[in-house]
Amino acid sequence: MTNCQIRTASLIGLAVLWFIQTRLELFPQEVQLFSRLSGIRIMKKETPLYLLLSLLFVVLTTAGCGEGAHERSAKRMPEGCAESSLVHDGLTRWYRICLPDKLPEQAPLVLYLHGGTLSMRSLFSPLADSSATWFSLAEEHGIVLLVPNGVNPETGETYGDDQVWNDLRPDQASGQSQADDVGFLSALLDRVIAEYPIDPERIFITGASNGGMMTYRMLVETPEHFRAGAAFIANLPDIGVPFPQPPAPVPIMIANGTEDPLMPYDGGSVAKDRGVVISTRQTVDWWVQANHADPNQMDSRTLPDIDASDKCLIHEEFYPPGEDGAAVMFYRVEGGGHTLPSRESTGLFTRLMSRLLGPVCRDADGPSLVWEFFSEVSEGSIPD
């Protein structure tokens, strides 16, 4: 039996076991057997929600399973996208780059980082609402999207689908990578700038969860690369000592949900054993002081409640730059979970995922908020 056939059989088995376990809490050993056979990591064997997550993972990775991994990956890429690699620190690192149909002479670039235990391919899934919005924005505004892949901390695999970023969480955190991701992403930007007509004054970075925490690290350690950054559902790690100050301020947007079950809004353990983070309020306050933004001039508003049925509100706080500083934009997603705001997230899939990740706020689109922020920074509407 091929690995693909095993995964397909596991999909059926997991569906049955998830249905039974959610009602009777039976068969934890059988669940683990399916996990071992299929190569799917179930984080806690007696938690039905993780069965659902595993089930979704199989759904997203089974299609086209008669082909090899690279062939499947190439087949799923949208038109205008290419997959390539570079060698850094002894590892072959992978990335995708997507060019708009009409590539400008001096194109803006968005470095788009996947979340933990995901991959560059997961951002191209038809279920990834935020990515669809990014592709639309890229075509409309002539944006180059650069989507790199992290490293699997257990196997060292660089092309896989269970990848993470080394985001400064302590070594003892479960699933933490020790790869030189700062060096890799810096080298990748240098390569792409040399190969494509990129405007070096309009390079941006964004990511969610582990990708959001890696965004923080890049802005702290290599601010010279970026005009602005945006992080979703991410707090700064609690590293036990004062967090290192960036050598230069960079405008940043932060958006976190108050009902996030994985990245605790009030600080604490991430997903039980994946390190400890400070609270969202502490994270925002840290960036305000690090960027020399002016808390005394903070301006706040609540975005229109477009969809009252989501029981969610988005509150905006804008901290303008002080002398020689950079702005901080913060969106407190009241009632939101470990999700990006999305106008497109509706239906059965959203209801299923809300059991695992918390509610999706449908009053705005996360990528649209980001691009509006990036555009205002680059146009000078928001001083940097």
Protein backbone atom coordinates (compact mmCIF):
# COMPACT_ATOMS: atom_id res chain seq x y z
CA MET A 1 0.00 0.00 0.00
CA THR A 2 1.39 3.41 -0.97
CA ASN A 3 1.70 6.34 1.41
CA CYS A 4 -1.09 8.03 -0.50
CA GLN A 5 -3.41 5.05 -0.08
CA ILE A 6 -2.60 4.93 3.62
CA ARG A 7 -3.43 8.62 3.98
CA THR A 8 -6.70 8.17 2.07
CA ALA A 9 -7.70 5.24 4.28
CA SER A 10 -6.71 7.28 7.31
CA LEU A 11 -9.02 10.07 6.15
CA ILE A 12 -11.97 7.70 6.27
CA GLY A 13 -10.88 6.23 9.60
CA LEU A 14 -10.30 9.59 11.21
CA ALA A 15 -13.70 10.81 10.07
CA VAL A 16 -15.40 7.83 11.69
CA LEU A 17 -13.34 8.04 14.89
CA TRP A 18 -13.81 11.79 15.18
CA PHE A 19 -17.57 11.36 14.87
CA ILE A 20 -17.61 8.67 17.57
CA GLN A 21 -15.12 10.28 19.90
CA THR A 22 -16.87 13.64 19.93
CA ARG A 23 -19.88 11.84 21.36
CA LEU A 24 -18.56 8.93 23.38
CA GLU A 25 -14.87 9.82 23.94
CA LEU A 26 -13.84 6.31 22.86
CA PHE A 27 -10.92 4.72 21.00
CA PRO A 28 -7.94 6.95 21.88
CA GLN A 29 -5.52 4.10 21.07
CA GLU A 30 -7.09 3.57 17.65
CA VAL A 31 -6.79 7.29 16.96
CA GLN A 32 -3.06 7.12 17.69
CA LEU A 33 -2.71 4.07 15.42
CA PHE A 34 -4.18 6.04 12.53
CA SER A 35 -1.86 8.90 13.42
CA ARG A 36 1.22 6.67 13.19
CA LEU A 37 0.13 5.00 9.93
CA SER A 38 -0.74 8.25 8.19
CA GLY A 39 2.16 10.31 9.50
CA ILE A 40 -0.26 12.86 10.93
CA ARG A 41 0.69 14.33 14.26
CA ILE A 42 -2.22 14.47 16.71
CA MET A 43 -1.14 16.75 19.51
CA LYS A 44 -3.29 15.31 22.27
CA LYS A 45 -4.90 11.95 21.64
CA GLU A 46 -8.04 12.49 23.68
CA THR A 47 -8.95 15.90 22.28
CA PRO A 48 -11.58 15.65 19.52
CA LEU A 49 -10.69 19.09 18.11
CA TYR A 50 -7.21 17.89 17.21
CA LEU A 51 -8.78 14.98 15.37
CA LEU A 52 -10.68 17.53 13.32
CA LEU A 53 -7.46 19.41 12.62
CA SER A 54 -5.78 16.18 11.51
CA LEU A 55 -8.74 15.34 9.32
CA LEU A 56 -8.53 18.71 7.61
CA PHE A 57 -4.79 18.22 7.11
CA VAL A 58 -5.40 14.94 5.27
CA VAL A 59 -8.07 16.55 3.09
CA LEU A 60 -5.65 19.29 2.07
CA THR A 61 -2.75 16.92 1.31
CA THR A 62 -4.40 13.86 -0.27
CA ALA A 63 -5.48 15.35 -3.61
CA GLY A 64 -3.23 14.32 -6.49
CA CYS A 65 -1.51 11.71 -4.35
CA GLY A 66 -0.55 9.52 -7.29
CA GLU A 67 2.21 12.04 -8.01
CA GLY A 68 5.41 12.94 -6.18
CA ALA A 69 5.53 15.83 -3.73
CA HIS A 70 7.22 18.24 -6.14
CA GLU A 71 4.85 17.36 -8.98
CA ARG A 72 1.81 17.85 -6.75
CA SER A 73 3.17 21.16 -5.55
CA ALA A 74 3.80 22.48 -9.05
CA LYS A 75 0.37 21.36 -10.22
CA ARG A 76 -1.40 23.33 -7.48
CA MET A 77 0.40 26.60 -8.09
CA PRO A 78 -1.64 29.46 -9.53
CA GLU A 79 -0.67 30.90 -12.89
CA GLY A 80 2.14 33.40 -12.53
CA CYS A 81 3.75 31.58 -9.61
CA ALA A 82 7.01 29.64 -9.61
CA GLU A 83 8.78 27.45 -7.07
CA SER A 84 12.51 27.61 -6.48
CA SER A 85 15.21 27.06 -3.88
CA LEU A 86 18.46 28.42 -2.56
CA VAL A 87 21.13 26.91 -0.33
CA HIS A 88 21.62 28.68 2.98
CA ASP A 89 23.53 27.48 6.03
CA GLY A 90 23.95 24.05 4.46
CA LEU A 91 20.22 23.60 3.82
CA THR A 92 18.28 23.73 0.56
CA ARG A 93 15.52 26.22 1.37
CA TRP A 94 12.36 26.51 -0.71
CA TYR A 95 10.09 29.36 -1.69
CA ARG A 96 7.38 30.41 -4.11
CA ILE A 97 7.21 33.71 -5.93
CA CYS A 98 4.08 35.04 -7.61
CA LEU A 99 4.22 37.83 -10.17
CA PRO A 100 1.21 39.92 -11.24
CA ASP A 101 0.17 39.81 -14.90
CA LYS A 102 1.35 43.39 -15.31
CA LEU A 103 4.63 43.63 -13.42
CA PRO A 104 5.50 47.30 -12.75
CA GLU A 105 8.96 48.73 -13.31
CA GLN A 106 9.39 49.17 -9.56
CA ALA A 107 7.07 46.61 -7.98
CA PRO A 108 6.24 46.42 -4.28
CA LEU A 109 7.02 43.09 -2.62
CA VAL A 110 5.23 41.38 0.26
CA LEU A 111 7.12 38.66 2.14
CA TYR A 112 4.25 36.40 3.23
CA LEU A 113 5.04 33.92 6.07
CA HIS A 114 2.98 30.81 6.81
CA GLY A 115 1.93 29.81 10.33
CA GLY A 116 3.43 27.07 12.48
CA THR A 117 3.02 23.42 11.37
CA LEU A 118 1.90 24.70 7.96
CA SER A 119 3.87 25.43 4.78
CA MET A 120 4.16 27.68 1.77
CA ARG A 121 1.70 25.34 0.02
CA SER A 122 -0.95 25.76 2.72
CA LEU A 123 -1.21 29.44 1.78
CA PHE A 124 -2.25 28.38 -1.72
CA SER A 125 -5.10 26.17 -0.52
CA PRO A 126 -8.57 27.09 -1.81
CA LEU A 127 -9.65 27.09 1.85
CA ALA A 128 -7.19 29.87 2.72
CA ASP A 129 -9.45 32.91 2.40
CA SER A 130 -6.71 35.40 3.26
CA SER A 131 -4.46 34.10 0.47
CA ALA A 132 -7.21 34.52 -2.13
CA THR A 133 -7.52 38.13 -1.03
CA TRP A 134 -3.76 38.59 -1.31
CA PHE A 135 -3.74 37.24 -4.87
CA SER A 136 -6.52 39.67 -5.81
CA LEU A 137 -4.66 42.57 -4.23
CA ALA A 138 -1.45 41.53 -6.00
CA GLU A 139 -3.12 41.65 -9.41
CA GLU A 140 -4.85 44.95 -8.67
CA HIS A 141 -1.80 46.75 -7.29
CA GLY A 142 1.08 45.01 -9.08
CA ILE A 143 2.44 43.33 -5.91
CA VAL A 144 5.06 40.58 -5.99
CA LEU A 145 4.22 37.91 -3.39
CA LEU A 146 7.19 36.02 -1.94
CA VAL A 147 6.13 32.92 0.03
CA PRO A 148 9.00 30.98 1.69
CA ASN A 149 8.93 27.62 3.49
CA GLY A 150 10.05 27.01 7.06
CA VAL A 151 11.82 23.92 8.43
CA ASN A 152 10.45 20.84 10.18
CA PRO A 153 12.18 20.91 13.60
CA GLU A 154 11.88 17.16 14.13
CA THR A 155 13.16 15.90 10.77
CA GLY A 156 15.06 18.88 9.35
CA GLU A 157 12.93 18.61 6.19
CA THR A 158 12.85 21.92 4.28
CA TYR A 159 10.26 21.10 1.59
CA GLY A 160 7.55 19.55 3.76
CA ASP A 161 4.13 20.66 4.99
CA ASP A 162 4.74 20.59 8.78
CA GLN A 163 7.10 23.54 9.02
CA VAL A 164 7.87 26.26 11.56
CA TRP A 165 9.90 29.45 11.88
CA ASN A 166 12.61 30.15 14.46
CA ASP A 167 10.79 33.07 16.07
CA LEU A 168 12.91 33.59 19.23
CA ARG A 169 10.87 31.36 21.51
CA PRO A 170 13.19 29.53 23.93
CA ASP A 171 14.78 26.24 22.83
CA GLN A 172 12.74 24.21 25.32
CA ALA A 173 9.44 25.18 23.66
CA SER A 174 7.88 22.18 21.91
CA GLY A 175 8.36 22.20 18.15
CA GLN A 176 10.85 25.05 18.19
CA SER A 177 13.21 25.33 15.21
CA GLN A 178 16.90 26.21 15.43
CA ALA A 179 17.26 27.05 11.73
CA ASP A 180 18.83 30.33 10.68
CA ASP A 181 15.60 31.74 9.30
CA VAL A 182 16.70 35.36 9.68
CA GLY A 183 19.69 34.64 7.46
CA PHE A 184 17.61 32.64 4.98
CA LEU A 185 14.92 35.31 4.58
CA SER A 186 17.56 38.04 4.24
CA ALA A 187 19.42 36.07 1.57
CA LEU A 188 16.14 35.34 -0.20
CA LEU A 189 15.27 39.03 -0.35
CA ASP A 190 18.72 39.82 -1.75
CA ARG A 191 18.25 37.20 -4.49
CA VAL A 192 14.77 38.35 -5.48
CA ILE A 193 15.76 42.03 -5.56
CA ALA A 194 18.64 41.09 -7.91
CA GLU A 195 16.41 39.01 -10.21
CA TYR A 196 13.22 41.07 -10.43
CA PRO A 197 12.34 44.79 -10.76
CA ILE A 198 11.55 45.26 -7.05
CA ASP A 199 11.29 48.69 -5.46
CA PRO A 200 13.68 48.40 -2.48
CA GLU A 201 11.73 51.15 -0.72
CA ARG A 202 8.50 49.14 -0.82
CA ILE A 203 9.36 45.77 0.69
CA PHE A 204 6.91 44.62 3.35
CA ILE A 205 6.52 41.58 5.60
CA THR A 206 3.45 39.91 7.09
CA GLY A 207 2.48 36.63 8.73
CA ALA A 208 0.07 35.03 11.17
CA SER A 209 0.69 33.09 14.39
CA ASN A 210 4.24 31.63 14.14
CA GLY A 211 4.55 33.66 10.93
CA GLY A 212 3.48 36.77 12.85
CA MET A 213 6.06 36.11 15.56
CA MET A 214 8.71 35.65 12.85
CA THR A 215 7.58 38.98 11.41
CA TYR A 216 8.37 40.54 14.79
CA ARG A 217 11.82 38.95 14.79
CA MET A 218 12.65 40.17 11.29
CA LEU A 219 11.57 43.72 12.14
CA VAL A 220 13.66 43.64 15.32
CA GLU A 221 16.83 42.14 13.81
CA THR A 222 16.75 43.32 10.17
CA PRO A 223 14.62 46.49 10.04
CA GLU A 224 16.72 47.80 7.14
CA HIS A 225 14.95 45.38 4.78
CA PHE A 226 11.40 46.59 5.35
CA ARG A 227 9.25 49.68 4.87
CA ALA A 228 6.54 48.24 7.17
CA GLY A 229 5.28 44.99 8.68
CA ALA A 230 2.04 43.40 9.87
CA ALA A 231 1.47 40.56 12.33
CA PHE A 232 -1.76 38.67 13.01
CA ILE A 233 -2.68 36.53 16.03
CA ALA A 234 0.84 36.85 17.45
CA ASN A 235 2.36 38.11 20.69
CA LEU A 236 6.00 38.62 21.53
CA PRO A 237 7.66 35.61 23.19
CA ASP A 238 8.45 35.74 26.89
CA ILE A 239 12.18 35.04 26.79
CA GLY A 240 12.85 35.77 30.47
CA VAL A 241 14.93 38.89 29.80
CA PRO A 242 14.13 42.26 28.21
CA PHE A 243 13.34 41.81 24.53
CA PRO A 244 16.11 43.16 22.25
CA GLN A 245 15.49 46.65 20.89
CA PRO A 246 15.48 47.13 17.11
CA PRO A 247 18.27 49.34 15.74
CA ALA A 248 15.71 51.37 13.78
CA PRO A 249 11.91 51.79 14.02
CA VAL A 250 9.64 50.33 11.33
CA PRO A 251 5.87 50.98 11.06
CA ILE A 252 3.92 47.95 12.25
CA MET A 253 0.32 46.76 12.27
CA ILE A 254 -0.85 44.20 14.87
CA ALA A 255 -4.22 42.41 14.90
CA ASN A 256 -5.16 39.89 17.62
CA GLY A 257 -8.40 38.18 18.62
CA THR A 258 -9.57 38.34 22.24
CA GLU A 259 -10.97 34.78 22.09
CA ASP A 260 -7.90 33.09 20.62
CA PRO A 261 -7.61 29.56 22.09
CA LEU A 262 -4.01 29.05 20.90
CA MET A 263 -2.22 32.40 21.15
CA PRO A 264 -3.55 33.69 24.50
CA TYR A 265 -4.61 37.33 24.27
CA ASP A 266 -3.69 37.90 27.92
CA GLY A 267 -0.38 36.06 27.62
CA GLY A 268 0.69 32.60 28.79
CA SER A 269 1.36 29.25 27.13
CA VAL A 270 0.89 28.91 23.37
CA ALA A 271 -1.15 25.79 22.53
CA LYS A 272 -0.25 24.37 25.98
CA ASP A 273 3.41 23.52 25.33
CA ARG A 274 4.72 25.74 22.52
CA GLY A 275 6.39 28.37 24.62
CA VAL A 276 5.15 31.36 26.59
CA VAL A 277 4.19 34.78 25.26
CA ILE A 278 3.49 38.12 26.87
CA SER A 279 0.02 39.61 26.52
CA THR A 280 -1.26 41.47 23.50
CA ARG A 281 -1.41 44.72 25.47
CA GLN A 282 2.22 44.27 26.55
CA THR A 283 3.17 43.45 22.95
CA VAL A 284 1.53 46.61 21.62
CA ASP A 285 3.04 48.74 24.39
CA TRP A 286 6.49 47.28 23.67
CA TRP A 287 6.23 48.21 20.00
CA VAL A 288 4.97 51.70 20.85
CA GLN A 289 8.10 52.36 22.92
CA ALA A 290 10.45 50.51 20.54
CA ASN A 291 9.12 52.51 17.57
CA HIS A 292 9.15 55.80 19.51
CA ALA A 293 5.46 56.18 18.74
CA ASP A 294 3.44 58.71 20.74
CA PRO A 295 0.93 57.09 23.16
CA ASN A 296 -0.38 60.51 24.17
CA GLN A 297 -1.64 61.13 20.64
CA MET A 298 -3.30 57.72 20.22
CA ASP A 299 -6.47 57.87 18.11
CA SER A 300 -9.12 55.15 18.40
CA ARG A 301 -12.29 54.10 16.61
CA THR A 302 -14.45 51.04 16.06
CA LEU A 303 -14.83 49.74 12.51
CA PRO A 304 -18.37 49.39 11.13
CA ASP A 305 -20.14 46.25 12.36
CA ILE A 306 -20.83 44.94 8.86
CA ASP A 307 -21.94 41.47 9.99
CA ALA A 308 -23.66 41.58 13.37
CA SER A 309 -24.18 37.80 13.30
CA ASP A 310 -20.45 37.14 13.89
CA LYS A 311 -20.71 38.71 17.38
CA CYS A 312 -17.42 40.45 16.75
CA LEU A 313 -16.18 44.04 16.68
CA ILE A 314 -12.85 45.41 15.45
CA HIS A 315 -11.40 48.26 17.51
CA GLU A 316 -8.59 50.32 15.98
CA GLU A 317 -5.86 52.11 17.91
CA PHE A 318 -3.41 54.28 15.96
CA TYR A 319 -0.21 55.52 17.59
CA PRO A 320 1.48 58.19 15.43
CA PRO A 321 5.26 58.37 15.29
CA GLY A 322 7.09 60.59 17.72
CA GLU A 323 10.39 62.26 16.90
CA ASP A 324 12.50 59.92 14.73
CA GLY A 325 9.87 57.24 15.30
CA ALA A 326 7.46 55.01 13.39
CA ALA A 327 3.74 54.42 13.69
CA VAL A 328 1.96 51.51 15.38
CA MET A 329 -1.51 50.38 14.27
CA PHE A 330 -3.36 47.94 16.52
CA TYR A 331 -6.62 46.12 15.78
CA ARG A 332 -8.26 44.48 18.80
CA VAL A 333 -10.58 41.89 17.29
CA GLU A 334 -13.19 41.65 20.05
CA GLY A 335 -14.65 38.15 19.92
CA GLY A 336 -12.19 36.92 17.26
CA GLY A 337 -10.25 33.66 17.52
CA HIS A 338 -6.99 32.33 16.08
CA THR A 339 -8.10 33.59 12.69
CA LEU A 340 -7.72 36.54 10.36
CA PRO A 341 -10.76 38.76 9.80
CA SER A 342 -12.40 37.65 6.55
CA ARG A 343 -15.48 38.78 4.67
CA GLU A 344 -15.40 35.47 2.75
CA SER A 345 -15.45 33.06 5.71
CA THR A 346 -18.96 31.64 5.76
CA GLY A 347 -20.69 28.28 5.70
CA LEU A 348 -20.03 24.82 7.11
CA PHE A 349 -16.23 24.96 6.91
CA THR A 350 -16.12 28.13 8.98
CA ARG A 351 -18.43 26.64 11.60
CA LEU A 352 -16.25 23.54 11.86
CA MET A 353 -13.02 25.52 12.11
CA SER A 354 -14.49 27.85 14.73
CA ARG A 355 -14.64 24.87 17.11
CA LEU A 356 -10.89 24.54 16.84
CA LEU A 357 -9.59 28.05 16.21
CA GLY A 358 -12.32 30.29 17.57
CA PRO A 359 -14.65 32.68 15.73
CA VAL A 360 -13.87 34.45 12.45
CA CYS A 361 -14.66 38.17 12.42
CA ARG A 362 -16.44 39.10 9.19
CA ASP A 363 -16.33 42.89 9.51
CA ALA A 364 -13.16 43.27 7.41
CA ASP A 365 -10.58 41.40 5.35
CA GLY A 366 -7.22 41.03 7.07
CA PRO A 367 -5.06 41.40 3.93
CA SER A 368 -7.04 44.48 2.85
CA LEU A 369 -6.35 46.11 6.22
CA VAL A 370 -2.66 45.26 5.81
CA TRP A 371 -2.36 46.61 2.27
CA GLU A 372 -4.20 49.80 3.23
CA PHE A 373 -1.66 50.27 6.05
CA PHE A 374 1.32 49.46 3.82
CA SER A 375 0.05 51.81 1.09
CA GLU A 376 -0.47 54.69 3.49
CA VAL A 377 3.04 54.22 4.86
CA SER A 378 4.65 54.15 1.41
CA GLU A 379 2.58 57.12 0.19
CA GLY A 380 3.44 59.16 3.27
CA SER A 381 -0.12 59.34 4.66
CA ILE A 382 1.30 57.53 7.69
CA PRO A 383 4.73 59.01 8.45
CA ASP A 384 7.56 56.55 8.96
